[in-house]
Protein backbone atom coordinates (compact mmCIF):
# COMPACT_ATOMS: atom_id res chain seq x y z
CA MET A 1 -14.19 -225.18 -50.88
CA ASN A 2 -11.83 -227.98 -51.66
CA TYR A 3 -12.24 -229.99 -48.45
CA LYS A 4 -10.54 -233.12 -49.83
CA LYS A 5 -7.39 -231.14 -50.59
CA HIS A 6 -7.05 -228.88 -47.54
CA LEU A 7 -8.88 -230.51 -44.60
CA PRO A 8 -6.97 -233.81 -44.12
CA GLY A 9 -4.17 -233.79 -41.59
CA LYS A 10 -3.52 -232.65 -38.05
CA TRP A 11 -4.70 -229.20 -36.92
CA LYS A 12 -3.83 -227.46 -33.65
CA ILE A 13 -6.50 -225.36 -31.95
CA VAL A 14 -4.92 -221.97 -31.20
CA ALA A 15 -8.03 -219.92 -30.39
CA THR A 16 -11.50 -220.88 -29.24
CA SER A 17 -14.74 -219.78 -27.67
CA PHE A 18 -15.43 -223.36 -26.49
CA SER A 19 -15.32 -223.75 -22.70
CA MET A 20 -13.68 -227.20 -22.85
CA TRP A 21 -10.57 -225.73 -24.47
CA LYS A 22 -10.56 -222.54 -22.40
CA SER A 23 -10.29 -224.62 -19.22
CA ASP A 24 -6.88 -225.14 -17.67
CA LYS A 25 -7.76 -228.83 -17.31
CA ASN A 26 -7.54 -229.65 -21.05
CA LYS A 27 -4.30 -228.80 -22.86
CA ASN A 28 -2.95 -228.82 -26.42
CA PRO A 29 -6.15 -229.74 -28.31
CA THR A 30 -5.77 -231.00 -31.87
CA ILE A 31 -8.11 -232.33 -34.53
CA THR A 32 -6.96 -234.80 -37.18
CA TYR A 33 -9.12 -235.30 -40.26
CA SER A 34 -8.65 -238.20 -42.65
CA LEU A 35 -10.73 -239.06 -45.69
CA HIS A 36 -13.17 -241.88 -44.98
CA LYS A 37 -15.34 -241.80 -48.11
CA ASP A 38 -15.58 -239.67 -51.28
CA VAL A 39 -19.30 -239.83 -52.01
CA PRO A 40 -20.89 -238.69 -49.85
CA LEU A 41 -17.85 -236.85 -48.50
CA ILE A 42 -17.05 -238.22 -45.03
CA PHE A 43 -13.99 -237.63 -42.87
CA ASN A 44 -12.75 -239.52 -39.83
CA ASP A 45 -12.39 -237.04 -36.97
CA LEU A 46 -9.93 -237.54 -34.11
CA VAL A 47 -9.78 -234.94 -31.33
CA GLU A 48 -6.84 -235.29 -28.95
CA TYR A 49 -5.88 -233.32 -25.87
CA LYS A 50 -3.99 -233.74 -22.62
CA LYS A 51 -5.77 -233.91 -19.29
CA ASN A 52 -3.77 -234.50 -16.11
CA HIS A 53 -0.72 -235.30 -18.28
CA LYS A 54 -2.61 -238.13 -20.02
CA LEU A 55 -3.58 -238.17 -23.69
CA LYS A 56 -7.36 -238.25 -24.17
CA SER A 57 -9.26 -238.64 -27.44
CA ILE A 58 -12.71 -238.25 -28.96
CA THR A 59 -13.47 -239.99 -32.25
CA GLY A 60 -16.21 -239.51 -34.79
CA TYR A 61 -17.17 -238.99 -38.42
CA ASP A 62 -17.91 -235.76 -40.29
CA LYS A 63 -20.36 -236.02 -43.17
CA LEU A 64 -20.77 -233.09 -45.56
CA ARG A 65 -24.39 -232.10 -45.97
CA ASN A 66 -25.10 -228.98 -48.03
CA GLU A 67 -22.69 -226.33 -46.67
CA SER A 68 -22.15 -227.92 -43.25
CA PHE A 69 -20.69 -231.04 -41.71
CA ILE A 70 -22.58 -233.29 -39.35
CA TRP A 71 -20.33 -234.87 -36.73
CA ARG A 72 -21.39 -238.18 -35.22
CA GLY A 73 -19.47 -239.74 -32.38
CA LYS A 74 -18.07 -243.25 -32.29
CA GLY A 75 -18.30 -245.70 -29.40
CA TRP A 76 -20.26 -244.43 -26.41
CA LEU A 77 -20.58 -241.05 -28.19
CA LYS A 78 -22.44 -242.59 -31.16
CA PRO A 79 -25.83 -241.14 -30.11
CA PHE A 80 -24.40 -237.60 -30.22
CA THR A 81 -24.26 -235.34 -33.25
CA SER A 82 -23.10 -231.81 -33.86
CA LYS A 83 -23.36 -229.51 -36.85
CA TRP A 84 -20.32 -227.45 -37.84
CA LYS A 85 -19.36 -225.20 -40.69
CA VAL A 86 -16.06 -224.10 -42.18
CA LEU A 87 -15.81 -220.31 -42.17
CA TYR A 88 -12.31 -220.22 -43.65
CA LEU A 89 -9.93 -222.86 -45.00
CA ASP A 90 -6.59 -222.84 -46.73
CA SER A 91 -3.58 -225.13 -46.48
CA ASP A 92 -2.43 -223.64 -43.13
CA LEU A 93 -5.50 -222.11 -41.45
CA LEU A 94 -8.93 -223.50 -40.57
CA ILE A 95 -11.76 -221.61 -38.86
CA ILE A 96 -14.84 -223.58 -37.82
CA LYS A 97 -18.09 -222.64 -36.13
CA PHE A 98 -20.21 -225.31 -34.44
CA SER A 99 -23.74 -225.45 -33.10
CA ALA A 100 -24.82 -226.38 -29.60
CA THR A 101 -25.67 -229.97 -28.71
CA LEU A 102 -27.49 -231.49 -25.76
CA ILE A 103 -24.27 -231.41 -23.75
CA THR A 104 -22.10 -228.67 -25.31
CA PRO A 105 -22.58 -224.98 -26.15
CA SER A 106 -22.03 -223.51 -29.60
CA GLY A 107 -18.62 -222.10 -30.36
CA MET A 108 -15.80 -221.41 -32.73
CA ASP A 109 -12.25 -222.72 -33.13
CA ILE A 110 -9.28 -221.35 -35.03
CA LEU A 111 -6.80 -224.03 -36.02
CA VAL A 112 -3.39 -223.98 -37.66
CA ARG A 113 -1.07 -226.64 -38.99
CA ASN A 114 1.96 -225.21 -37.20
CA THR A 115 1.77 -223.21 -33.97
CA LYS A 116 4.89 -221.23 -34.89
CA ASP A 117 2.66 -219.39 -37.40
CA PHE A 118 0.00 -218.62 -34.80
CA SER A 119 1.06 -215.03 -33.98
CA TYR A 120 0.91 -214.09 -37.67
CA TYR A 121 -2.66 -215.39 -37.92
CA LYS A 122 -3.70 -213.86 -34.60
CA GLU A 123 -2.60 -210.43 -35.81
CA ARG A 124 -4.27 -210.84 -39.22
CA ILE A 125 -7.55 -212.21 -37.80
CA ASN A 126 -7.83 -209.54 -35.10
CA GLY A 127 -6.86 -206.78 -37.53
CA HIS A 128 -8.95 -207.88 -40.51
CA PRO A 129 -11.71 -210.27 -39.36
CA LYS A 130 -13.78 -209.85 -42.55
CA LEU A 131 -10.97 -211.44 -44.61
CA PHE A 132 -11.64 -214.61 -42.62
CA ASN A 133 -15.46 -214.43 -42.73
CA LEU A 134 -15.60 -213.22 -39.12
CA ASN A 135 -16.85 -210.10 -37.38
CA THR A 136 -15.34 -208.08 -34.55
CA VAL A 137 -17.67 -209.54 -31.90
CA GLU A 138 -16.63 -213.09 -32.82
CA THR A 139 -12.94 -212.23 -32.59
CA GLN A 140 -13.45 -210.51 -29.21
CA ASN A 141 -15.03 -213.71 -27.84
CA LEU A 142 -11.99 -215.80 -28.74
CA HIS A 143 -9.61 -217.12 -26.12
CA TRP A 144 -6.10 -217.51 -27.57
CA LEU A 145 -4.38 -220.66 -26.28
CA TYR A 146 -0.87 -219.70 -27.37
């Protein structure tokens, strides 16, 4: 996959199995990736969401190792890591699956560049999950945010 070409930029989470995003407390989650280093490939990772009408953020780094990324937090989150993998990526759609950590369960997110395209992707993913490297059980466990 061409991560350097397609991953950078702001992505909006439109579907998830992650409890933090399924909660009514946290709204409009996004992830912004920016290239930090070419070799080894490392991205800056900025997660933003609204909680009680205030913008909150989580920052970290994503380092490509074999076929997966290892996320490491910044600041007080520096001791924490998480492993995640891209299941599907093109210029407008990103599907990631992440492993459990000491404080979070495993899960999956579907992200798009523009939420106006979300219904198109929802229909395609639910109708043809194999095209997106998913199975029916995974799509049934998704909570659509839009």
